[in-house]
Amino acid sequence: MLIAFSAAWNFTCEIGWSGLYTINAELYPTEIRGLGVGWGNAFSKFAGIINPVLTGVIMDLSGGKYIVMVLIGTLFVVCAIASMFFRETRNVLKGKASTLDRKKSDSFVF
């Protein structure tokens, strides 16, 4: 049972990360896209280092398992609500090097 839940958890996390990388790349203008996505990725790696330490400290408290579950659940709900306020970026020009900005003659023909 633990393996099944772990596999389902990892599957949903990977889907979430894929969507997050796509959204991050669309939110930043072309000139600073790499910088913005890089900072976001660096922050997530830092949080990945700190998270097990903080979770271990909280789990040692009285009722720590429940506190951790409530914190994780609350975080998921906050993220779900925040994702409803993302704006649509389809067909929106971002910076000078946007692919929508190119003329047909600029494309390569193979």
PDB file of N, CA and C in Angstrom:
ATOM      1  N   MET A   1       0.825  -1.190   0.000  1.00  0.00           N
ATOM      2  CA  MET A   1       0.000   0.000   0.000  1.00  0.00           C
ATOM      3  C   MET A   1       0.873   1.258   0.000  1.00  0.00           C
ATOM      4  N   LEU A   2       1.930   1.229   0.778  1.00  0.00           N
ATOM      5  CA  LEU A   2       2.827   2.374   0.853  1.00  0.00           C
ATOM      6  C   LEU A   2       3.489   2.648  -0.496  1.00  0.00           C
ATOM      7  N   ILE A   3       3.864   1.573  -1.197  1.00  0.00           N
ATOM      8  CA  ILE A   3       4.496   1.731  -2.505  1.00  0.00           C
ATOM      9  C   ILE A   3       3.508   2.320  -3.507  1.00  0.00           C
ATOM     10  N   ALA A   4       2.260   1.892  -3.453  1.00  0.00           N
ATOM     11  CA  ALA A   4       1.245   2.421  -4.369  1.00  0.00           C
ATOM     12  C   ALA A   4       1.017   3.910  -4.129  1.00  0.00           C
ATOM     13  N   PHE A   5       0.890   4.309  -2.873  1.00  0.00           N
ATOM     14  CA  PHE A   5       0.700   5.729  -2.567  1.00  0.00           C
ATOM     15  C   PHE A   5       1.932   6.546  -2.936  1.00  0.00           C
ATOM     16  N   SER A   6       3.097   5.994  -2.709  1.00  0.00           N
ATOM     17  CA  SER A   6       4.329   6.688  -3.066  1.00  0.00           C
ATOM     18  C   SER A   6       4.431   6.878  -4.577  1.00  0.00           C
ATOM     19  N   ALA A   7       4.070   5.857  -5.332  1.00  0.00           N
ATOM     20  CA  ALA A   7       4.100   5.958  -6.788  1.00  0.00           C
ATOM     21  C   ALA A   7       3.092   6.996  -7.283  1.00  0.00           C
ATOM     22  N   ALA A   8       1.890   6.995  -6.706  1.00  0.00           N
ATOM     23  CA  ALA A   8       0.878   7.984  -7.089  1.00  0.00           C
ATOM     24  C   ALA A   8       1.335   9.398  -6.729  1.00  0.00           C
ATOM     25  N   TRP A   9       1.948   9.546  -5.574  1.00  0.00           N
ATOM     26  CA  TRP A   9       2.457  10.850  -5.143  1.00  0.00           C
ATOM     27  C   TRP A   9       3.526  11.359  -6.101  1.00  0.00           C
ATOM     28  N   ASN A  10       4.487  10.499  -6.438  1.00  0.00           N
ATOM     29  CA  ASN A  10       5.556  10.908  -7.350  1.00  0.00           C
ATOM     30  C   ASN A  10       5.021  11.228  -8.733  1.00  0.00           C
ATOM     31  N   PHE A  11       4.029  10.475  -9.194  1.00  0.00           N
ATOM     32  CA  PHE A  11       3.423  10.736 -10.496  1.00  0.00           C
ATOM     33  C   PHE A  11       2.784  12.118 -10.535  1.00  0.00           C
ATOM     34  N   THR A  12       2.000  12.447  -9.511  1.00  0.00           N
ATOM     35  CA  THR A  12       1.340  13.757  -9.493  1.00  0.00           C
ATOM     36  C   THR A  12       2.350  14.884  -9.315  1.00  0.00           C
ATOM     37  N   CYS A  13       3.400  14.654  -8.552  1.00  0.00           N
ATOM     38  CA  CYS A  13       4.432  15.684  -8.392  1.00  0.00           C
ATOM     39  C   CYS A  13       5.145  15.966  -9.708  1.00  0.00           C
ATOM     40  N   GLU A  14       5.460  14.934 -10.464  1.00  0.00           N
ATOM     41  CA  GLU A  14       6.128  15.126 -11.756  1.00  0.00           C
ATOM     42  C   GLU A  14       5.239  15.874 -12.737  1.00  0.00           C
ATOM     43  N   ILE A  15       3.952  15.584 -12.729  1.00  0.00           N
ATOM     44  CA  ILE A  15       3.028  16.327 -13.584  1.00  0.00           C
ATOM     45  C   ILE A  15       2.985  17.785 -13.161  1.00  0.00           C
ATOM     46  N   GLY A  16       2.955  18.025 -11.868  1.00  0.00           N
ATOM     47  CA  GLY A  16       2.944  19.398 -11.369  1.00  0.00           C
ATOM     48  C   GLY A  16       4.191  20.168 -11.750  1.00  0.00           C
ATOM     49  N   TRP A  17       5.362  19.523 -11.645  1.00  0.00           N
ATOM     50  CA  TRP A  17       6.605  20.206 -12.018  1.00  0.00           C
ATOM     51  C   TRP A  17       6.632  20.524 -13.503  1.00  0.00           C
ATOM     52  N   SER A  18       6.130  19.617 -14.326  1.00  0.00           N
ATOM     53  CA  SER A  18       6.096  19.876 -15.769  1.00  0.00           C
ATOM     54  C   SER A  18       5.240  21.095 -16.074  1.00  0.00           C
ATOM     55  N   GLY A  19       4.092  21.178 -15.459  1.00  0.00           N
ATOM     56  CA  GLY A  19       3.232  22.342 -15.659  1.00  0.00           C
ATOM     57  C   GLY A  19       3.847  23.616 -15.115  1.00  0.00           C
ATOM     58  N   LEU A  20       4.528  23.504 -13.989  1.00  0.00           N
ATOM     59  CA  LEU A  20       5.148  24.678 -13.383  1.00  0.00           C
ATOM     60  C   LEU A  20       6.260  25.247 -14.252  1.00  0.00           C
ATOM     61  N   TYR A  21       7.073  24.373 -14.848  1.00  0.00           N
ATOM     62  CA  TYR A  21       8.131  24.856 -15.736  1.00  0.00           C
ATOM     63  C   TYR A  21       7.541  25.555 -16.955  1.00  0.00           C
ATOM     64  N   THR A  22       6.447  25.042 -17.475  1.00  0.00           N
ATOM     65  CA  THR A  22       5.799  25.676 -18.623  1.00  0.00           C
ATOM     66  C   THR A  22       5.246  27.047 -18.250  1.00  0.00           C
ATOM     67  N   ILE A  23       4.591  27.124 -17.125  1.00  0.00           N
ATOM     68  CA  ILE A  23       4.022  28.404 -16.690  1.00  0.00           C
ATOM     69  C   ILE A  23       5.130  29.407 -16.412  1.00  0.00           C
ATOM     70  N   ASN A  24       6.202  28.981 -15.752  1.00  0.00           N
ATOM     71  CA  ASN A  24       7.314  29.898 -15.475  1.00  0.00           C
ATOM     72  C   ASN A  24       7.913  30.465 -16.749  1.00  0.00           C
ATOM     73  N   ALA A  25       8.092  29.619 -17.743  1.00  0.00           N
ATOM     74  CA  ALA A  25       8.673  30.090 -18.996  1.00  0.00           C
ATOM     75  C   ALA A  25       7.760  31.077 -19.703  1.00  0.00           C
ATOM     76  N   GLU A  26       6.465  30.936 -19.546  1.00  0.00           N
ATOM     77  CA  GLU A  26       5.529  31.847 -20.200  1.00  0.00           C
ATOM     78  C   GLU A  26       5.355  33.165 -19.459  1.00  0.00           C
ATOM     79  N   LEU A  27       5.628  33.195 -18.171  1.00  0.00           N
ATOM     80  CA  LEU A  27       5.367  34.403 -17.392  1.00  0.00           C
ATOM     81  C   LEU A  27       6.417  35.490 -17.577  1.00  0.00           C
ATOM     82  N   TYR A  28       7.636  35.111 -17.914  1.00  0.00           N
ATOM     83  CA  TYR A  28       8.722  36.086 -17.994  1.00  0.00           C
ATOM     84  C   TYR A  28       8.928  36.558 -19.425  1.00  0.00           C
ATOM     85  N   PRO A  29       9.285  37.838 -19.602  1.00  0.00           N
ATOM     86  CA  PRO A  29       9.651  38.315 -20.948  1.00  0.00           C
ATOM     87  C   PRO A  29      10.898  37.576 -21.439  1.00  0.00           C
ATOM     88  N   THR A  30      11.069  37.543 -22.733  1.00  0.00           N
ATOM     89  CA  THR A  30      12.145  36.769 -23.338  1.00  0.00           C
ATOM     90  C   THR A  30      13.512  37.159 -22.802  1.00  0.00           C
ATOM     91  N   GLU A  31      13.734  38.448 -22.588  1.00  0.00           N
ATOM     92  CA  GLU A  31      15.056  38.930 -22.175  1.00  0.00           C
ATOM     93  C   GLU A  31      15.490  38.388 -20.823  1.00  0.00           C
ATOM     94  N   ILE A  32      14.545  38.145 -19.927  1.00  0.00           N
ATOM     95  CA  ILE A  32      14.901  37.673 -18.579  1.00  0.00           C
ATOM     96  C   ILE A  32      14.321  36.302 -18.260  1.00  0.00           C
ATOM     97  N   ARG A  33      13.853  35.594 -19.267  1.00  0.00           N
ATOM     98  CA  ARG A  33      13.205  34.298 -19.042  1.00  0.00           C
ATOM     99  C   ARG A  33      14.142  33.306 -18.366  1.00  0.00           C
ATOM    100  N   GLY A  34      15.361  33.206 -18.856  1.00  0.00           N
ATOM    101  CA  GLY A  34      16.318  32.267 -18.260  1.00  0.00           C
ATOM    102  C   GLY A  34      16.636  32.614 -16.820  1.00  0.00           C
ATOM    103  N   LEU A  35      16.761  33.913 -16.548  1.00  0.00           N
ATOM    104  CA  LEU A  35      17.049  34.368 -15.189  1.00  0.00           C
ATOM    105  C   LEU A  35      15.881  34.050 -14.250  1.00  0.00           C
ATOM    106  N   GLY A  36      14.667  34.326 -14.695  1.00  0.00           N
ATOM    107  CA  GLY A  36      13.499  34.075 -13.851  1.00  0.00           C
ATOM    108  C   GLY A  36      13.281  32.605 -13.567  1.00  0.00           C
ATOM    109  N   VAL A  37      13.375  31.782 -14.601  1.00  0.00           N
ATOM    110  CA  VAL A  37      13.200  30.344 -14.415  1.00  0.00           C
ATOM    111  C   VAL A  37      14.345  29.785 -13.571  1.00  0.00           C
ATOM    112  N   GLY A  38      15.556  30.297 -13.781  1.00  0.00           N
ATOM    113  CA  GLY A  38      16.704  29.847 -12.991  1.00  0.00           C
ATOM    114  C   GLY A  38      16.553  30.157 -11.512  1.00  0.00           C
ATOM    115  N   TRP A  39      16.088  31.374 -11.198  1.00  0.00           N
ATOM    116  CA  TRP A  39      15.879  31.735  -9.794  1.00  0.00           C
ATOM    117  C   TRP A  39      14.778  30.883  -9.170  1.00  0.00           C
ATOM    118  N   GLY A  40      13.724  30.644  -9.914  1.00  0.00           N
ATOM    119  CA  GLY A  40      12.658  29.781  -9.406  1.00  0.00           C
ATOM    120  C   GLY A  40      13.136  28.367  -9.156  1.00  0.00           C
ATOM    121  N   ASN A  41      13.954  27.850 -10.075  1.00  0.00           N
ATOM    122  CA  ASN A  41      14.500  26.512  -9.921  1.00  0.00           C
ATOM    123  C   ASN A  41      15.465  26.450  -8.736  1.00  0.00           C
ATOM    124  N   ALA A  42      16.285  27.480  -8.580  1.00  0.00           N
ATOM    125  CA  ALA A  42      17.218  27.516  -7.451  1.00  0.00           C
ATOM    126  C   ALA A  42      16.466  27.557  -6.122  1.00  0.00           C
ATOM    127  N   PHE A  43      15.403  28.342  -6.061  1.00  0.00           N
ATOM    128  CA  PHE A  43      14.610  28.418  -4.836  1.00  0.00           C
ATOM    129  C   PHE A  43      13.983  27.062  -4.511  1.00  0.00           C
ATOM    130  N   SER A  44      13.494  26.355  -5.545  1.00  0.00           N
ATOM    131  CA  SER A  44      12.892  25.046  -5.289  1.00  0.00           C
ATOM    132  C   SER A  44      13.936  24.039  -4.804  1.00  0.00           C
ATOM    133  N   LYS A  45      15.166  24.137  -5.307  1.00  0.00           N
ATOM    134  CA  LYS A  45      16.227  23.233  -4.835  1.00  0.00           C
ATOM    135  C   LYS A  45      16.585  23.551  -3.380  1.00  0.00           C
ATOM    136  N   PHE A  46      16.636  24.837  -3.037  1.00  0.00           N
ATOM    137  CA  PHE A  46      16.913  25.242  -1.657  1.00  0.00           C
ATOM    138  C   PHE A  46      15.807  24.739  -0.730  1.00  0.00           C
ATOM    139  N   ALA A  47      14.558  24.871  -1.167  1.00  0.00           N
ATOM    140  CA  ALA A  47      13.437  24.380  -0.357  1.00  0.00           C
ATOM    141  C   ALA A  47      13.491  22.867  -0.226  1.00  0.00           C
ATOM    142  N   GLY A  48      13.970  22.180  -1.262  1.00  0.00           N
ATOM    143  CA  GLY A  48      14.107  20.729  -1.198  1.00  0.00           C
ATOM    144  C   GLY A  48      15.159  20.285  -0.195  1.00  0.00           C
ATOM    145  N   ILE A  49      16.130  21.151   0.085  1.00  0.00           N
ATOM    146  CA  ILE A  49      17.147  20.844   1.097  1.00  0.00           C
ATOM    147  C   ILE A  49      16.603  21.123   2.500  1.00  0.00           C
ATOM    148  N   ILE A  50      15.921  22.239   2.658  1.00  0.00           N
ATOM    149  CA  ILE A  50      15.427  22.669   3.967  1.00  0.00           C
ATOM    150  C   ILE A  50      14.205  21.865   4.415  1.00  0.00           C
ATOM    151  N   ASN A  51      13.366  21.443   3.486  1.00  0.00           N
ATOM    152  CA  ASN A  51      12.113  20.775   3.818  1.00  0.00           C
ATOM    153  C   ASN A  51      12.283  19.536   4.692  1.00  0.00           C
ATOM    154  N   PRO A  52      13.170  18.598   4.380  1.00  0.00           N
ATOM    155  CA  PRO A  52      13.294  17.420   5.260  1.00  0.00           C
ATOM    156  C   PRO A  52      13.740  17.774   6.674  1.00  0.00           C
ATOM    157  N   VAL A  53      14.572  18.776   6.797  1.00  0.00           N
ATOM    158  CA  VAL A  53      15.038  19.181   8.128  1.00  0.00           C
ATOM    159  C   VAL A  53      13.875  19.750   8.941  1.00  0.00           C
ATOM    160  N   LEU A  54      13.121  20.675   8.340  1.00  0.00           N
ATOM    161  CA  LEU A  54      11.985  21.265   9.055  1.00  0.00           C
ATOM    162  C   LEU A  54      10.900  20.231   9.351  1.00  0.00           C
ATOM    163  N   THR A  55      10.666  19.338   8.406  1.00  0.00           N
ATOM    164  CA  THR A  55       9.663  18.303   8.628  1.00  0.00           C
ATOM    165  C   THR A  55      10.077  17.395   9.783  1.00  0.00           C
ATOM    166  N   GLY A  56      11.353  17.051   9.865  1.00  0.00           N
ATOM    167  CA  GLY A  56      11.838  16.229  10.975  1.00  0.00           C
ATOM    168  C   GLY A  56      11.681  16.924  12.314  1.00  0.00           C
ATOM    169  N   VAL A  57      11.969  18.221  12.360  1.00  0.00           N
ATOM    170  CA  VAL A  57      11.814  18.988  13.603  1.00  0.00           C
ATOM    171  C   VAL A  57      10.351  19.034  14.021  1.00  0.00           C
ATOM    172  N   ILE A  58       9.456  19.270  13.051  1.00  0.00           N
ATOM    173  CA  ILE A  58       8.031  19.351  13.375  1.00  0.00           C
ATOM    174  C   ILE A  58       7.488  17.979  13.782  1.00  0.00           C
ATOM    175  N   MET A  59       7.968  16.910  13.133  1.00  0.00           N
ATOM    176  CA  MET A  59       7.488  15.564  13.462  1.00  0.00           C
ATOM    177  C   MET A  59       7.871  15.157  14.881  1.00  0.00           C
ATOM    178  N   ASP A  60       8.952  15.713  15.424  1.00  0.00           N
ATOM    179  CA  ASP A  60       9.364  15.399  16.785  1.00  0.00           C
ATOM    180  C   ASP A  60       8.492  16.073  17.834  1.00  0.00           C
ATOM    181  N   LEU A  61       7.713  17.065  17.435  1.00  0.00           N
ATOM    182  CA  LEU A  61       6.813  17.736  18.374  1.00  0.00           C
ATOM    183  C   LEU A  61       5.636  16.835  18.711  1.00  0.00           C
ATOM    184  N   SER A  62       4.951  17.168  19.797  1.00  0.00           N
ATOM    185  CA  SER A  62       3.752  16.426  20.159  1.00  0.00           C
ATOM    186  C   SER A  62       2.672  16.683  19.104  1.00  0.00           C
ATOM    187  N   GLY A  63       2.157  15.639  18.501  1.00  0.00           N
ATOM    188  CA  GLY A  63       1.160  15.786  17.438  1.00  0.00           C
ATOM    189  C   GLY A  63       1.774  16.261  16.131  1.00  0.00           C
ATOM    190  N   GLY A  64       3.050  16.022  15.966  1.00  0.00           N
ATOM    191  CA  GLY A  64       3.775  16.521  14.802  1.00  0.00           C
ATOM    192  C   GLY A  64       3.285  15.968  13.482  1.00  0.00           C
ATOM    193  N   LYS A  65       2.865  14.695  13.481  1.00  0.00           N
ATOM    194  CA  LYS A  65       2.375  14.105  12.231  1.00  0.00           C
ATOM    195  C   LYS A  65       1.158  14.858  11.714  1.00  0.00           C
ATOM    196  N   TYR A  66       0.278  15.237  12.633  1.00  0.00           N
ATOM    197  CA  TYR A  66      -0.929  15.954  12.232  1.00  0.00           C
ATOM    198  C   TYR A  66      -0.591  17.368  11.766  1.00  0.00           C
ATOM    199  N   ILE A  67       0.361  17.994  12.430  1.00  0.00           N
ATOM    200  CA  ILE A  67       0.779  19.343  12.035  1.00  0.00           C
ATOM    201  C   ILE A  67       1.352  19.322  10.624  1.00  0.00           C
ATOM    202  N   VAL A  68       2.190  18.324  10.334  1.00  0.00           N
ATOM    203  CA  VAL A  68       2.789  18.219   8.998  1.00  0.00           C
ATOM    204  C   VAL A  68       1.710  17.995   7.948  1.00  0.00           C
ATOM    205  N   MET A  69       0.757  17.113   8.207  1.00  0.00           N
ATOM    206  CA  MET A  69      -0.304  16.848   7.238  1.00  0.00           C
ATOM    207  C   MET A  69      -1.171  18.081   7.004  1.00  0.00           C
ATOM    208  N   VAL A  70      -1.470  18.821   8.069  1.00  0.00           N
ATOM    209  CA  VAL A  70      -2.269  20.044   7.917  1.00  0.00           C
ATOM    210  C   VAL A  70      -1.487  21.078   7.117  1.00  0.00           C
ATOM    211  N   LEU A  71      -0.192  21.218   7.384  1.00  0.00           N
ATOM    212  CA  LEU A  71       0.614  22.181   6.628  1.00  0.00           C
ATOM    213  C   LEU A  71       0.691  21.819   5.144  1.00  0.00           C
ATOM    214  N   ILE A  72       0.901  20.548   4.845  1.00  0.00           N
ATOM    215  CA  ILE A  72       0.976  20.117   3.450  1.00  0.00           C
ATOM    216  C   ILE A  72      -0.374  20.313   2.759  1.00  0.00           C
ATOM    217  N   GLY A  73      -1.444  19.928   3.417  1.00  0.00           N
ATOM    218  CA  GLY A  73      -2.779  20.116   2.839  1.00  0.00           C
ATOM    219  C   GLY A  73      -3.104  21.576   2.603  1.00  0.00           C
ATOM    220  N   THR A  74      -2.748  22.411   3.562  1.00  0.00           N
ATOM    221  CA  THR A  74      -2.989  23.847   3.418  1.00  0.00           C
ATOM    222  C   THR A  74      -2.196  24.420   2.254  1.00  0.00           C
ATOM    223  N   LEU A  75      -0.971  23.984   2.123  1.00  0.00           N
ATOM    224  CA  LEU A  75      -0.133  24.445   1.019  1.00  0.00           C
ATOM    225  C   LEU A  75      -0.728  24.056  -0.329  1.00  0.00           C
ATOM    226  N   PHE A  76      -1.240  22.840  -0.449  1.00  0.00           N
ATOM    227  CA  PHE A  76      -1.872  22.403  -1.693  1.00  0.00           C
ATOM    228  C   PHE A  76      -3.104  23.239  -2.008  1.00  0.00           C
ATOM    229  N   VAL A  77      -3.911  23.524  -1.007  1.00  0.00           N
ATOM    230  CA  VAL A  77      -5.117  24.323  -1.229  1.00  0.00           C
ATOM    231  C   VAL A  77      -4.746  25.744  -1.653  1.00  0.00           C
ATOM    232  N   VAL A  78      -3.759  26.339  -0.992  1.00  0.00           N
ATOM    233  CA  VAL A  78      -3.322  27.692  -1.353  1.00  0.00           C
ATOM    234  C   VAL A  78      -2.797  27.715  -2.785  1.00  0.00           C
ATOM    235  N   CYS A  79      -2.013  26.715  -3.164  1.00  0.00           N
ATOM    236  CA  CYS A  79      -1.489  26.651  -4.535  1.00  0.00           C
ATOM    237  C   CYS A  79      -2.607  26.459  -5.548  1.00  0.00           C
ATOM    238  N   ALA A  80      -3.595  25.649  -5.217  1.00  0.00           N
ATOM    239  CA  ALA A  80      -4.720  25.436  -6.137  1.00  0.00           C
ATOM    240  C   ALA A  80      -5.509  26.719  -6.339  1.00  0.00           C
ATOM    241  N   ILE A  81      -5.741  27.449  -5.267  1.00  0.00           N
ATOM    242  CA  ILE A  81      -6.464  28.719  -5.378  1.00  0.00           C
ATOM    243  C   ILE A  81      -5.639  29.741  -6.159  1.00  0.00           C
ATOM    244  N   ALA A  82      -4.345  29.805  -5.889  1.00  0.00           N
ATOM    245  CA  ALA A  82      -3.484  30.753  -6.605  1.00  0.00           C
ATOM    246  C   ALA A  82      -3.430  30.439  -8.096  1.00  0.00           C
ATOM    247  N   SER A  83      -3.471  29.157  -8.453  1.00  0.00           N
ATOM    248  CA  SER A  83      -3.399  28.797  -9.874  1.00  0.00           C
ATOM    249  C   SER A  83      -4.639  29.233 -10.644  1.00  0.00           C
ATOM    250  N   MET A  84      -5.735  29.460  -9.957  1.00  0.00           N
ATOM    251  CA  MET A  84      -6.937  29.938 -10.646  1.00  0.00           C
ATOM    252  C   MET A  84      -6.793  31.380 -11.118  1.00  0.00           C
ATOM    253  N   PHE A  85      -5.826  32.094 -10.578  1.00  0.00           N
ATOM    254  CA  PHE A  85      -5.648  33.495 -10.942  1.00  0.00           C
ATOM    255  C   PHE A  85      -4.548  33.712 -11.977  1.00  0.00           C
ATOM    256  N   PHE A  86      -3.961  32.627 -12.512  1.00  0.00           N
ATOM    257  CA  PHE A  86      -2.975  32.772 -13.580  1.00  0.00           C
ATOM    258  C   PHE A  86      -3.680  33.317 -14.811  1.00  0.00           C
ATOM    259  N   ARG A  87      -3.001  34.164 -15.538  1.00  0.00           N
ATOM    260  CA  ARG A  87      -3.606  34.712 -16.745  1.00  0.00           C
ATOM    261  C   ARG A  87      -3.204  33.872 -17.948  1.00  0.00           C
ATOM    262  N   GLU A  88      -4.055  33.880 -18.935  1.00  0.00           N
ATOM    263  CA  GLU A  88      -3.781  33.130 -20.165  1.00  0.00           C
ATOM    264  C   GLU A  88      -2.694  33.844 -20.952  1.00  0.00           C
ATOM    265  N   THR A  89      -1.713  33.095 -21.407  1.00  0.00           N
ATOM    266  CA  THR A  89      -0.603  33.695 -22.150  1.00  0.00           C
ATOM    267  C   THR A  89      -0.559  33.249 -23.601  1.00  0.00           C
ATOM    268  N   ARG A  90      -1.544  32.531 -24.043  1.00  0.00           N
ATOM    269  CA  ARG A  90      -1.571  32.081 -25.433  1.00  0.00           C
ATOM    270  C   ARG A  90      -1.762  33.291 -26.356  1.00  0.00           C
ATOM    271  N   ASN A  91      -0.943  33.373 -27.389  1.00  0.00           N
ATOM    272  CA  ASN A  91      -0.983  34.432 -28.396  1.00  0.00           C
ATOM    273  C   ASN A  91      -0.705  35.824 -27.828  1.00  0.00           C
ATOM    274  N   VAL A  92       0.045  35.891 -26.745  1.00  0.00           N
ATOM    275  CA  VAL A  92       0.447  37.169 -26.157  1.00  0.00           C
ATOM    276  C   VAL A  92       1.920  37.373 -26.464  1.00  0.00           C
ATOM    277  N   LEU A  93       2.261  38.517 -27.008  1.00  0.00           N
ATOM    278  CA  LEU A  93       3.654  38.797 -27.344  1.00  0.00           C
ATOM    279  C   LEU A  93       4.458  39.052 -26.082  1.00  0.00           C
ATOM    280  N   LYS A  94       5.622  38.433 -26.001  1.00  0.00           N
ATOM    281  CA  LYS A  94       6.521  38.603 -24.860  1.00  0.00           C
ATOM    282  C   LYS A  94       7.883  39.034 -25.375  1.00  0.00           C
ATOM    283  N   GLY A  95       8.216  40.262 -25.279  1.00  0.00           N
ATOM    284  CA  GLY A  95       9.553  40.721 -25.655  1.00  0.00           C
ATOM    285  C   GLY A  95       9.765  40.757 -27.156  1.00  0.00           C
ATOM    286  N   LYS A  96      10.990  41.088 -27.549  1.00  0.00           N
ATOM    287  CA  LYS A  96      11.326  41.276 -28.958  1.00  0.00           C
ATOM    288  C   LYS A  96      11.475  39.970 -29.717  1.00  0.00           C
ATOM    289  N   ALA A  97      11.910  38.916 -29.062  1.00  0.00           N
ATOM    290  CA  ALA A  97      12.241  37.677 -29.753  1.00  0.00           C
ATOM    291  C   ALA A  97      11.102  36.662 -29.736  1.00  0.00           C
ATOM    292  N   SER A  98       9.884  37.147 -29.641  1.00  0.00           N
ATOM    293  CA  SER A  98       8.753  36.243 -29.587  1.00  0.00           C
ATOM    294  C   SER A  98       8.577  35.508 -30.910  1.00  0.00           C
ATOM    295  N   THR A  99       8.157  34.274 -30.834  1.00  0.00           N
ATOM    296  CA  THR A  99       7.940  33.503 -32.059  1.00  0.00           C
ATOM    297  C   THR A  99       6.744  34.039 -32.835  1.00  0.00           C
ATOM    298  N   LEU A 100       5.820  34.714 -32.157  1.00  0.00           N
ATOM    299  CA  LEU A 100       4.683  35.289 -32.861  1.00  0.00           C
ATOM    300  C   LEU A 100       5.077  36.531 -33.645  1.00  0.00           C
ATOM    301  N   ASP A 101       6.225  37.078 -33.316  1.00  0.00           N
ATOM    302  CA  ASP A 101       6.709  38.300 -33.926  1.00  0.00           C
ATOM    303  C   ASP A 101       7.392  38.065 -35.275  1.00  0.00           C
ATOM    304  N   ARG A 102       7.802  36.852 -35.534  1.00  0.00           N
ATOM    305  CA  ARG A 102       8.571  36.552 -36.735  1.00  0.00           C
ATOM    306  C   ARG A 102       7.717  36.620 -37.983  1.00  0.00           C
ATOM    307  N   LYS A 103       8.359  36.985 -39.053  1.00  0.00           N
ATOM    308  CA  LYS A 103       7.707  36.939 -40.355  1.00  0.00           C
ATOM    309  C   LYS A 103       7.889  35.538 -40.920  1.00  0.00           C
ATOM    310  N   LYS A 104       7.067  35.200 -41.881  1.00  0.00           N
ATOM    311  CA  LYS A 104       7.166  33.870 -42.465  1.00  0.00           C
ATOM    312  C   LYS A 104       8.492  33.675 -43.179  1.00  0.00           C
ATOM    313  N   SER A 105       9.091  34.740 -43.704  1.00  0.00           N
ATOM    314  CA  SER A 105      10.344  34.615 -44.424  1.00  0.00           C
ATOM    315  C   SER A 105      11.527  34.355 -43.483  1.00  0.00           C
ATOM    316  N   ASP A 106      11.357  34.625 -42.180  1.00  0.00           N
ATOM    317  CA  ASP A 106      12.433  34.417 -41.218  1.00  0.00           C
ATOM    318  C   ASP A 106      12.575  32.944 -40.809  1.00  0.00           C
ATOM    319  N   SER A 107      11.573  32.124 -41.102  1.00  0.00           N
ATOM    320  CA  SER A 107      11.636  30.734 -40.653  1.00  0.00           C
ATOM    321  C   SER A 107      12.554  29.928 -41.566  1.00  0.00           C
ATOM    322  N   PHE A 108      13.076  28.870 -40.997  1.00  0.00           N
ATOM    323  CA  PHE A 108      13.977  27.999 -41.752  1.00  0.00           C
ATOM    324  C   PHE A 108      13.176  26.958 -42.505  1.00  0.00           C
ATOM    325  N   VAL A 109      13.662  26.599 -43.660  1.00  0.00           N
ATOM    326  CA  VAL A 109      13.017  25.562 -44.438  1.00  0.00           C
ATOM    327  C   VAL A 109      14.019  24.430 -44.589  1.00  0.00           C
ATOM    328  N   PHE A 110      13.604  23.235 -44.209  1.00  0.00           N
ATOM    329  CA  PHE A 110      14.492  22.071 -44.309  1.00  0.00           C
ATOM    330  C   PHE A 110      14.048  21.181 -45.442  1.00  0.00           C
TER     331      PHE A 110
END
